[in-house]
C-alpha atoms as a PDB file:
ATOM      1  CA  MET A   1       7.561  12.929 -19.901  1.00  0.00           C
ATOM      2  CA  ILE A   2      10.806  13.425 -17.985  1.00  0.00           C
ATOM      3  CA  LEU A   3      14.093  11.634 -18.587  1.00  0.00           C
ATOM      4  CA  HIS A   4      15.003   9.126 -15.866  1.00  0.00           C
ATOM      5  CA  GLU A   5      18.736   8.913 -16.460  1.00  0.00           C
ATOM      6  CA  PRO A   6      19.483   5.562 -14.717  1.00  0.00           C
ATOM      7  CA  LEU A   7      16.661   3.867 -16.684  1.00  0.00           C
ATOM      8  CA  GLY A   8      17.665   5.628 -19.883  1.00  0.00           C
ATOM      9  CA  ARG A   9      14.079   6.434 -20.812  1.00  0.00           C
ATOM     10  CA  ARG A  10      11.367   8.975 -20.213  1.00  0.00           C
ATOM     11  CA  VAL A  11       8.762   8.477 -17.501  1.00  0.00           C
ATOM     12  CA  ILE A  12       5.695  10.413 -16.395  1.00  0.00           C
ATOM     13  CA  GLY A  13       6.566  13.265 -14.060  1.00  0.00           C
ATOM     14  CA  ILE A  14       5.897  16.882 -13.116  1.00  0.00           C
ATOM     15  CA  ARG A  15       8.510  19.631 -13.158  1.00  0.00           C
ATOM     16  CA  ASN A  16       8.419  22.034 -10.213  1.00  0.00           C
ATOM     17  CA  PRO A  17       7.497  25.109 -12.316  1.00  0.00           C
ATOM     18  CA  ASP A  18       4.401  23.246 -13.567  1.00  0.00           C
ATOM     19  CA  ILE A  19       2.972  22.686 -10.072  1.00  0.00           C
ATOM     20  CA  ALA A  20       0.039  25.072  -9.597  1.00  0.00           C
ATOM     21  CA  GLU A  21      -1.052  24.033  -6.115  1.00  0.00           C
ATOM     22  CA  VAL A  22       0.018  21.739  -3.291  1.00  0.00           C
ATOM     23  CA  LYS A  23      -2.630  20.235  -1.031  1.00  0.00           C
ATOM     24  CA  LYS A  24      -1.511  18.893   2.319  1.00  0.00           C
ATOM     25  CA  PRO A  25      -3.655  15.976   3.572  1.00  0.00           C
ATOM     26  CA  GLU A  26      -3.090  16.762   7.257  1.00  0.00           C
ATOM     27  CA  GLU A  27      -4.212  20.373   6.807  1.00  0.00           C
ATOM     28  CA  ALA A  28      -7.266  19.281   4.807  1.00  0.00           C
ATOM     29  CA  LEU A  29      -8.264  16.912   7.613  1.00  0.00           C
ATOM     30  CA  ARG A  30      -8.108  19.648  10.235  1.00  0.00           C
ATOM     31  CA  GLY A  31     -10.192  21.884   7.974  1.00  0.00           C
ATOM     32  CA  LEU A  32     -12.872  19.217   7.525  1.00  0.00           C
ATOM     33  CA  LEU A  33     -13.119  18.667  11.266  1.00  0.00           C
ATOM     34  CA  GLU A  34     -13.942  22.346  11.706  1.00  0.00           C
ATOM     35  CA  VAL A  35     -16.929  22.149   9.321  1.00  0.00           C
ATOM     36  CA  GLY A  36     -20.458  21.988  10.789  1.00  0.00           C
ATOM     37  CA  SER A  37     -22.075  18.632  11.536  1.00  0.00           C
ATOM     38  CA  ASP A  38     -24.776  18.620   8.825  1.00  0.00           C
ATOM     39  CA  ASP A  39     -22.550  16.506   6.550  1.00  0.00           C
ATOM     40  CA  GLU A  40     -23.138  12.772   7.166  1.00  0.00           C
ATOM     41  CA  LEU A  41     -19.741  11.668   5.861  1.00  0.00           C
ATOM     42  CA  LEU A  42     -17.904  14.171   8.033  1.00  0.00           C
ATOM     43  CA  GLU A  43     -19.840  12.940  11.041  1.00  0.00           C
ATOM     44  CA  ALA A  44     -18.688   9.419  10.214  1.00  0.00           C
ATOM     45  CA  LEU A  45     -15.123  10.736   9.807  1.00  0.00           C
ATOM     46  CA  ARG A  46     -15.272  12.150  13.328  1.00  0.00           C
ATOM     47  CA  GLY A  47     -16.598   8.831  14.590  1.00  0.00           C
ATOM     48  CA  VAL A  48     -13.764   6.836  13.039  1.00  0.00           C
ATOM     49  CA  LEU A  49     -11.122   9.235  14.310  1.00  0.00           C
ATOM     50  CA  GLU A  50     -12.585   9.151  17.804  1.00  0.00           C
ATOM     51  CA  VAL A  51     -12.221   5.372  17.860  1.00  0.00           C
ATOM     52  CA  VAL A  52      -8.690   5.174  16.444  1.00  0.00           C
ATOM     53  CA  LEU A  53      -7.257   8.134  18.355  1.00  0.00           C
ATOM     54  CA  GLU A  54      -8.540   6.882  21.680  1.00  0.00           C
ATOM     55  CA  GLY A  55      -7.495   3.290  21.078  1.00  0.00           C
ATOM     56  CA  SER A  56      -4.054   3.825  19.520  1.00  0.00           C
ATOM     57  CA  GLY A  57      -2.679   6.760  21.479  1.00  0.00           C
ATOM     58  CA  SER A  58      -2.030   8.625  18.229  1.00  0.00           C
ATOM     59  CA  SER A  59      -2.649  12.322  17.614  1.00  0.00           C
ATOM     60  CA  ILE A  60      -4.629  14.071  14.890  1.00  0.00           C
ATOM     61  CA  GLY A  61      -1.333  15.182  13.328  1.00  0.00           C
ATOM     62  CA  ASP A  62      -0.600  11.547  12.473  1.00  0.00           C
ATOM     63  CA  PHE A  63      -3.473  11.498   9.957  1.00  0.00           C
ATOM     64  CA  GLY A  64      -4.593  13.140   6.757  1.00  0.00           C
ATOM     65  CA  VAL A  65      -7.214  12.637   4.049  1.00  0.00           C
ATOM     66  CA  PHE A  66      -6.957  11.832   0.346  1.00  0.00           C
ATOM     67  CA  GLY A  67      -9.396  11.212  -2.493  1.00  0.00           C
ATOM     68  CA  SER A  68     -12.634  13.167  -2.648  1.00  0.00           C
ATOM     69  CA  LEU A  69     -12.278  14.436   0.931  1.00  0.00           C
ATOM     70  CA  LEU A  70      -8.951  16.074   0.111  1.00  0.00           C
ATOM     71  CA  HIS A  71     -10.213  17.712  -3.070  1.00  0.00           C
ATOM     72  CA  GLY A  72     -13.553  18.877  -1.721  1.00  0.00           C
ATOM     73  CA  PHE A  73     -15.989  16.966  -3.922  1.00  0.00           C
ATOM     74  CA  HIS A  74     -17.068  14.111  -1.638  1.00  0.00           C
ATOM     75  CA  HIS A  75     -20.709  13.012  -1.611  1.00  0.00           C
ATOM     76  CA  PRO A  76     -22.116  12.863   1.962  1.00  0.00           C
ATOM     77  CA  LYS A  77     -24.242   9.796   1.201  1.00  0.00           C
ATOM     78  CA  LEU A  78     -22.026   7.895  -1.263  1.00  0.00           C
ATOM     79  CA  SER A  79     -18.326   8.600  -0.690  1.00  0.00           C
ATOM     80  CA  ASP A  80     -15.892   6.472   1.297  1.00  0.00           C
ATOM     81  CA  LEU A  81     -13.493   7.580   4.030  1.00  0.00           C
ATOM     82  CA  ASP A  82      -9.915   7.760   2.770  1.00  0.00           C
ATOM     83  CA  LEU A  83      -7.470   8.372   5.624  1.00  0.00           C
ATOM     84  CA  ILE A  84      -3.694   8.719   5.452  1.00  0.00           C
ATOM     85  CA  VAL A  85      -1.601   7.272   8.278  1.00  0.00           C
ATOM     86  CA  TYR A  86       1.782   8.971   8.581  1.00  0.00           C
ATOM     87  CA  GLY A  87       4.835   7.009   9.674  1.00  0.00           C
ATOM     88  CA  GLY A  88       5.749   3.427  10.453  1.00  0.00           C
ATOM     89  CA  GLU A  89       5.180   3.623  14.205  1.00  0.00           C
ATOM     90  CA  THR A  90       1.695   5.110  13.808  1.00  0.00           C
ATOM     91  CA  LEU A  91       0.833   2.415  11.266  1.00  0.00           C
ATOM     92  CA  ARG A  92       1.998  -0.297  13.667  1.00  0.00           C
ATOM     93  CA  ARG A  93      -0.270   1.021  16.432  1.00  0.00           C
ATOM     94  CA  ILE A  94      -3.233   1.440  14.072  1.00  0.00           C
ATOM     95  CA  ARG A  95      -2.916  -2.091  12.687  1.00  0.00           C
ATOM     96  CA  GLU A  96      -2.759  -3.575  16.175  1.00  0.00           C
ATOM     97  CA  LEU A  97      -5.854  -1.625  17.194  1.00  0.00           C
ATOM     98  CA  LEU A  98      -7.776  -2.543  14.042  1.00  0.00           C
ATOM     99  CA  GLN A  99      -7.008  -6.213  14.564  1.00  0.00           C
ATOM    100  CA  GLU A 100      -8.564  -5.996  18.028  1.00  0.00           C
ATOM    101  CA  LEU A 101     -11.576  -4.041  16.756  1.00  0.00           C
ATOM    102  CA  TYR A 102     -12.210  -6.445  13.870  1.00  0.00           C
ATOM    103  CA  MET A 103     -12.336  -9.340  16.346  1.00  0.00           C
ATOM    104  CA  ASP A 104     -14.759  -7.502  18.629  1.00  0.00           C
ATOM    105  CA  GLY A 105     -18.335  -8.208  17.583  1.00  0.00           C
ATOM    106  CA  ASP A 106     -19.539  -5.002  19.241  1.00  0.00           C
ATOM    107  CA  SER A 107     -17.032  -2.778  17.434  1.00  0.00           C
ATOM    108  CA  LYS A 108     -18.114  -0.186  14.875  1.00  0.00           C
ATOM    109  CA  LEU A 109     -15.316  -1.352  12.579  1.00  0.00           C
ATOM    110  CA  SER A 110     -15.025  -4.639  10.686  1.00  0.00           C
ATOM    111  CA  ASN A 111     -12.565  -6.008   8.125  1.00  0.00           C
ATOM    112  CA  GLU A 112     -13.647  -5.248   4.553  1.00  0.00           C
ATOM    113  CA  PHE A 113     -12.035  -8.515   3.405  1.00  0.00           C
ATOM    114  CA  GLU A 114     -13.536 -10.852   5.998  1.00  0.00           C
ATOM    115  CA  ASP A 115     -15.069 -12.781   3.076  1.00  0.00           C
ATOM    116  CA  ILE A 116     -14.917 -13.006  -0.719  1.00  0.00           C
ATOM    117  CA  LYS A 117     -17.642 -10.406  -1.348  1.00  0.00           C
ATOM    118  CA  PRO A 118     -15.326  -7.458  -2.237  1.00  0.00           C
ATOM    119  CA  VAL A 119     -14.195  -9.263  -5.422  1.00  0.00           C
ATOM    120  CA  GLU A 120     -17.321 -11.302  -6.158  1.00  0.00           C
ATOM    121  CA  GLY A 121     -18.679 -10.723  -9.665  1.00  0.00           C
ATOM    122  CA  LYS A 122     -15.670  -8.644 -10.712  1.00  0.00           C
ATOM    123  CA  ARG A 123     -13.578  -9.446 -13.766  1.00  0.00           C
ATOM    124  CA  TRP A 124     -10.359 -11.031 -12.447  1.00  0.00           C
ATOM    125  CA  LEU A 125      -7.271 -10.347 -14.588  1.00  0.00           C
ATOM    126  CA  PHE A 126      -4.289 -11.410 -12.472  1.00  0.00           C
ATOM    127  CA  LYS A 127      -2.879 -14.705 -13.779  1.00  0.00           C
ATOM    128  CA  ASN A 128      -0.872 -15.977 -10.822  1.00  0.00           C
ATOM    129  CA  ILE A 129      -2.994 -15.141  -7.810  1.00  0.00           C
ATOM    130  CA  SER A 130      -6.597 -16.287  -7.402  1.00  0.00           C
ATOM    131  CA  PRO A 131      -9.398 -14.096  -5.995  1.00  0.00           C
ATOM    132  CA  GLU A 132      -9.387 -16.259  -2.860  1.00  0.00           C
ATOM    133  CA  GLU A 133      -5.619 -15.811  -2.386  1.00  0.00           C
ATOM    134  CA  PHE A 134      -5.933 -12.080  -2.991  1.00  0.00           C
ATOM    135  CA  VAL A 135      -8.676 -11.699  -0.364  1.00  0.00           C
ATOM    136  CA  TRP A 136      -6.655 -13.706   2.170  1.00  0.00           C
ATOM    137  CA  HIS A 137      -3.657 -11.402   1.726  1.00  0.00           C
ATOM    138  CA  GLN A 138      -5.848  -8.278   1.871  1.00  0.00           C
ATOM    139  CA  ARG A 139      -7.561  -9.443   5.060  1.00  0.00           C
ATOM    140  CA  ARG A 140      -4.375  -9.593   7.094  1.00  0.00           C
ATOM    141  CA  LYS A 141      -3.205  -6.118   6.065  1.00  0.00           C
ATOM    142  CA  MET A 142      -5.868  -4.655   8.401  1.00  0.00           C
ATOM    143  CA  ILE A 143      -5.907  -1.280   6.631  1.00  0.00           C
ATOM    144  CA  TYR A 144      -9.193  -1.909   4.774  1.00  0.00           C
ATOM    145  CA  GLY A 145     -12.201  -1.551   7.055  1.00  0.00           C
ATOM    146  CA  ILE A 146     -15.941  -1.003   7.132  1.00  0.00           C
ATOM    147  CA  PHE A 147     -17.409   1.589   9.514  1.00  0.00           C
ATOM    148  CA  HIS A 148     -20.903   0.704  10.670  1.00  0.00           C
ATOM    149  CA  ASP A 149     -22.539   4.072  11.204  1.00  0.00           C
ATOM    150  CA  GLN A 150     -25.843   3.764  13.042  1.00  0.00           C
ATOM    151  CA  LYS A 151     -26.753   7.420  12.514  1.00  0.00           C
ATOM    152  CA  ILE A 152     -26.847   7.377   8.724  1.00  0.00           C
ATOM    153  CA  LYS A 153     -27.741   3.689   8.427  1.00  0.00           C
ATOM    154  CA  ARG A 154     -25.050   2.670   5.969  1.00  0.00           C
ATOM    155  CA  LYS A 155     -21.731   0.848   5.911  1.00  0.00           C
ATOM    156  CA  ILE A 156     -18.854   3.093   4.898  1.00  0.00           C
ATOM    157  CA  LYS A 157     -15.564   1.775   3.530  1.00  0.00           C
ATOM    158  CA  VAL A 158     -12.549   3.140   5.402  1.00  0.00           C
ATOM    159  CA  GLU A 159      -9.008   2.907   4.069  1.00  0.00           C
ATOM    160  CA  PHE A 160      -5.988   3.664   6.255  1.00  0.00           C
ATOM    161  CA  GLU A 161      -3.379   4.534   3.609  1.00  0.00           C
ATOM    162  CA  PRO A 162       0.225   4.186   4.858  1.00  0.00           C
ATOM    163  CA  VAL A 163       2.500   7.120   3.940  1.00  0.00           C
ATOM    164  CA  LYS A 164       6.034   7.707   5.149  1.00  0.00           C
ATOM    165  CA  GLY A 165       6.539  10.427   7.729  1.00  0.00           C
ATOM    166  CA  TYR A 166       8.625  13.354   6.515  1.00  0.00           C
ATOM    167  CA  ASN A 167      11.574  12.135   8.613  1.00  0.00           C
ATOM    168  CA  GLU A 168      11.415   8.715   6.909  1.00  0.00           C
ATOM    169  CA  ILE A 169      11.748   9.987   3.331  1.00  0.00           C
ATOM    170  CA  LYS A 170      15.085   9.660   1.571  1.00  0.00           C
ATOM    171  CA  ASN A 171      15.939  10.646  -1.998  1.00  0.00           C
ATOM    172  CA  ASP A 172      18.034   7.842  -3.525  1.00  0.00           C
ATOM    173  CA  TYR A 173      18.011   9.190  -7.081  1.00  0.00           C
ATOM    174  CA  SER A 174      21.447  10.835  -6.845  1.00  0.00           C
ATOM    175  CA  GLU A 175      23.005   7.479  -5.847  1.00  0.00           C
ATOM    176  CA  LEU A 176      21.615   5.620  -8.875  1.00  0.00           C
ATOM    177  CA  LYS A 177      23.882   5.206 -11.893  1.00  0.00           C
ATOM    178  CA  ARG A 178      22.130   2.665 -14.101  1.00  0.00           C
ATOM    179  CA  ILE A 179      19.186   0.229 -13.997  1.00  0.00           C
ATOM    180  CA  THR A 180      19.347  -2.552 -16.587  1.00  0.00           C
ATOM    181  CA  ARG A 181      16.550  -5.009 -17.395  1.00  0.00           C
ATOM    182  CA  GLU A 182      17.813  -8.607 -17.522  1.00  0.00           C
ATOM    183  CA  GLY A 183      14.642 -10.527 -18.324  1.00  0.00           C
ATOM    184  CA  TRP A 184      11.569 -12.087 -16.755  1.00  0.00           C
ATOM    185  CA  VAL A 185      12.056 -14.092 -13.580  1.00  0.00           C
ATOM    186  CA  LYS A 186      10.110 -16.399 -11.273  1.00  0.00           C
ATOM    187  CA  ALA A 187      11.666 -16.874  -7.852  1.00  0.00           C
ATOM    188  CA  LEU A 188      11.248 -18.031  -4.267  1.00  0.00           C
ATOM    189  CA  LEU A 189      12.478 -15.428  -1.809  1.00  0.00           C
ATOM    190  CA  MET A 190      12.794 -15.068   1.950  1.00  0.00           C
ATOM    191  CA  VAL A 191      11.679 -11.681   3.289  1.00  0.00           C
ATOM    192  CA  GLU A 192      14.441 -10.265   5.502  1.00  0.00           C
ATOM    193  CA  GLY A 193      13.103  -6.715   5.847  1.00  0.00           C
ATOM    194  CA  ASP A 194       9.535  -5.364   5.589  1.00  0.00           C
ATOM    195  CA  SER A 195       9.796  -1.792   6.910  1.00  0.00           C
ATOM    196  CA  GLU A 196       9.060  -0.278   3.474  1.00  0.00           C
ATOM    197  CA  ALA A 197       6.482  -2.855   2.383  1.00  0.00           C
ATOM    198  CA  PRO A 198       3.456  -0.648   3.288  1.00  0.00           C
ATOM    199  CA  TYR A 199       4.421   2.248   1.020  1.00  0.00           C
ATOM    200  CA  MET A 200       4.438   2.986  -2.699  1.00  0.00           C
ATOM    201  CA  PRO A 201       6.667   1.721  -4.102  1.00  0.00           C
ATOM    202  CA  SER A 202       6.633  -1.261  -1.746  1.00  0.00           C
ATOM    203  CA  VAL A 203      10.164  -2.474  -1.069  1.00  0.00           C
ATOM    204  CA  TYR A 204      10.928  -5.893   0.393  1.00  0.00           C
ATOM    205  CA  TYR A 205      14.515  -6.760   1.331  1.00  0.00           C
ATOM    206  CA  VAL A 206      14.970 -10.410   0.451  1.00  0.00           C
ATOM    207  CA  GLU A 207      17.278 -13.399   0.243  1.00  0.00           C
ATOM    208  CA  THR A 208      17.237 -15.494  -2.933  1.00  0.00           C
ATOM    209  CA  LEU A 209      16.165 -19.070  -2.239  1.00  0.00           C
ATOM    210  CA  GLU A 210      15.541 -20.355  -5.757  1.00  0.00           C
ATOM    211  CA  VAL A 211      15.197 -18.910  -9.242  1.00  0.00           C
ATOM    212  CA  MET A 212      12.606 -21.160 -10.837  1.00  0.00           C
ATOM    213  CA  GLU A 213      12.642 -19.535 -14.270  1.00  0.00           C
ATOM    214  CA  GLY A 214      14.726 -16.827 -15.899  1.00  0.00           C
ATOM    215  CA  PRO A 215      18.378 -15.793 -15.463  1.00  0.00           C
ATOM    216  CA  LYS A 216      19.992 -18.036 -12.832  1.00  0.00           C
ATOM    217  CA  VAL A 217      21.258 -15.432 -10.396  1.00  0.00           C
ATOM    218  CA  ASP A 218      21.643 -15.716  -6.628  1.00  0.00           C
ATOM    219  CA  ASP A 219      22.055 -12.073  -5.606  1.00  0.00           C
ATOM    220  CA  ILE A 220      18.478 -10.748  -5.706  1.00  0.00           C
ATOM    221  CA  THR A 221      18.325  -8.562  -2.587  1.00  0.00           C
ATOM    222  CA  ARG A 222      15.263  -6.365  -3.231  1.00  0.00           C
ATOM    223  CA  LEU A 223      11.718  -6.830  -4.459  1.00  0.00           C
ATOM    224  CA  VAL A 224      10.098  -3.571  -5.575  1.00  0.00           C
ATOM    225  CA  SER A 225       6.395  -3.230  -6.397  1.00  0.00           C
ATOM    226  CA  TYR A 226       4.632  -0.233  -7.914  1.00  0.00           C
ATOM    227  CA  ILE A 227       1.366  -2.215  -7.943  1.00  0.00           C
ATOM    228  CA  GLU A 228      -0.972  -1.334  -5.075  1.00  0.00           C
ATOM    229  CA  GLU A 229      -2.412  -4.839  -4.780  1.00  0.00           C
ATOM    230  CA  PHE A 230       0.991  -6.183  -3.700  1.00  0.00           C
ATOM    231  CA  ARG A 231       1.946  -3.764  -0.925  1.00  0.00           C
ATOM    232  CA  MET A 232       2.084  -5.246   2.586  1.00  0.00           C
ATOM    233  CA  GLN A 233       1.805  -8.617   0.873  1.00  0.00           C
ATOM    234  CA  ALA A 234       4.392 -10.331   3.072  1.00  0.00           C
ATOM    235  CA  TRP A 235       6.269  -9.867   6.322  1.00  0.00           C
ATOM    236  CA  ARG A 236       9.736 -10.584   7.648  1.00  0.00           C
ATOM    237  CA  GLY A 237      10.499 -14.294   7.908  1.00  0.00           C
ATOM    238  CA  GLU A 238       7.949 -15.372   5.289  1.00  0.00           C
ATOM    239  CA  VAL A 239       8.794 -17.219   2.072  1.00  0.00           C
ATOM    240  CA  ILE A 240       7.195 -15.698  -1.003  1.00  0.00           C
ATOM    241  CA  TYR A 241       6.775 -16.472  -4.678  1.00  0.00           C
ATOM    242  CA  ALA A 242       7.489 -13.490  -6.930  1.00  0.00           C
ATOM    243  CA  GLU A 243       7.248 -12.987 -10.660  1.00  0.00           C
ATOM    244  CA  GLY A 244       8.349  -9.858 -12.517  1.00  0.00           C
ATOM    245  CA  ASN A 245      11.209  -8.003 -14.199  1.00  0.00           C
ATOM    246  CA  LEU A 246      14.762  -8.817 -13.098  1.00  0.00           C
ATOM    247  CA  GLU A 247      16.924  -5.696 -12.937  1.00  0.00           C
ATOM    248  CA  ARG A 248      20.582  -5.013 -12.225  1.00  0.00           C
ATOM    249  CA  VAL A 249      20.966  -1.797 -10.243  1.00  0.00           C
ATOM    250  CA  GLU A 250      24.277   0.063 -10.199  1.00  0.00           C
ATOM    251  CA  THR A 251      24.776   2.762  -7.573  1.00  0.00           C
ATOM    252  CA  SER A 252      27.603   4.918  -6.281  1.00  0.00           C
ATOM    253  CA  ARG A 253      28.025   2.366  -3.473  1.00  0.00           C
ATOM    254  CA  GLY A 254      27.948  -0.849  -5.484  1.00  0.00           C
ATOM    255  CA  SER A 255      25.445  -2.979  -7.374  1.00  0.00           C
ATOM    256  CA  TYR A 256      22.678  -5.465  -6.675  1.00  0.00           C
ATOM    257  CA  ARG A 257      19.760  -7.163  -8.377  1.00  0.00           C
ATOM    258  CA  GLN A 258      16.071  -6.652  -7.769  1.00  0.00           C
ATOM    259  CA  ILE A 259      12.752  -7.900  -9.086  1.00  0.00           C
ATOM    260  CA  THR A 260      10.460  -5.036 -10.074  1.00  0.00           C
ATOM    261  CA  LEU A 261       6.688  -5.164 -10.539  1.00  0.00           C
ATOM    262  CA  THR A 262       5.458  -2.184 -12.524  1.00  0.00           C
ATOM    263  CA  TYR A 263       3.289  -1.018 -15.407  1.00  0.00           C
ATOM    264  CA  GLY A 264       4.095  -2.517 -18.787  1.00  0.00           C
ATOM    265  CA  PRO A 265       3.897  -5.762 -20.761  1.00  0.00           C
ATOM    266  CA  ARG A 266       2.809  -8.884 -18.829  1.00  0.00           C
ATOM    267  CA  TYR A 267       1.330  -6.639 -16.138  1.00  0.00           C
ATOM    268  CA  TYR A 268      -1.175  -9.215 -14.914  1.00  0.00           C
ATOM    269  CA  GLU A 269       1.413 -12.002 -14.765  1.00  0.00           C
ATOM    270  CA  GLN A 270       3.308 -10.149 -12.039  1.00  0.00           C
ATOM    271  CA  VAL A 271       2.738 -11.368  -8.505  1.00  0.00           C
ATOM    272  CA  ILE A 272       3.879 -11.428  -4.904  1.00  0.00           C
ATOM    273  CA  LYS A 273       2.261 -13.999  -2.630  1.00  0.00           C
ATOM    274  CA  LEU A 274       3.094 -16.430   0.136  1.00  0.00           C
ATOM    275  CA  ALA A 275       4.745 -19.530  -1.260  1.00  0.00           C
ATOM    276  CA  ASP A 276       2.878 -21.771   1.204  1.00  0.00           C
ATOM    277  CA  GLN A 277      -0.789 -21.412   0.375  1.00  0.00           C
ATOM    278  CA  THR A 278      -2.000 -24.129   2.744  1.00  0.00           C
ATOM    279  CA  CYS A 279      -3.231 -21.388   5.109  1.00  0.00           C
ATOM    280  CA  ILE A 280      -5.808 -20.191   2.583  1.00  0.00           C
END
């Protein structure tokens, strides 16, 4: 546990001297592509990359692997394909391509969330978003696919995990002075900026439309989510309903308020979703 000074409490972290090894996803991907072709999952990996590289104009350096592929314990017949997509521009091209491929009946790729099946039969714990609403939001993210591999006769889940490019990363910690919790809030917000919505944490720049419950403030300018289910949940120009922890953030350049969704009490009450659900 490491002290986070602006929060005034300890959080989980790793000190540099305690890091034994660093694995780079892009290097691991290149290494896997050099392995012989007797591994069914690696053959499928090559097939997916062939489709997305050719269709998006991206290069192999724009991708990496995570999960079992990164750590070397994948199962050729059971594991999924976990791909990292580096950078906002690459992600934009990949999403556009995947949308086209998902609509093409002859494509090898389909949308994992084209129906309710991914959550069917599972215990649903979120209080303020239904399984049907969740699937609708997941479907339009485009990053969750199914690869239909004819060679090995099985459908393989493919995730295209968005990660910032190295040139997009900024360390804001030195600017933070204090983060103060001000209570639980339910609010309607207009999304004004979505460039950081695909990443973890997901950051939405917003305008406060209405605080429905909680402290009556009108200067909420950010919505920050550390919950994977709520990344890429909304786009610029959309009105969303959000529920979570209201925080006042003081920095060296001024102060603002944000709603934060994170681990802790009332975890499953937290939500980000479109306010107008008539499309679902």
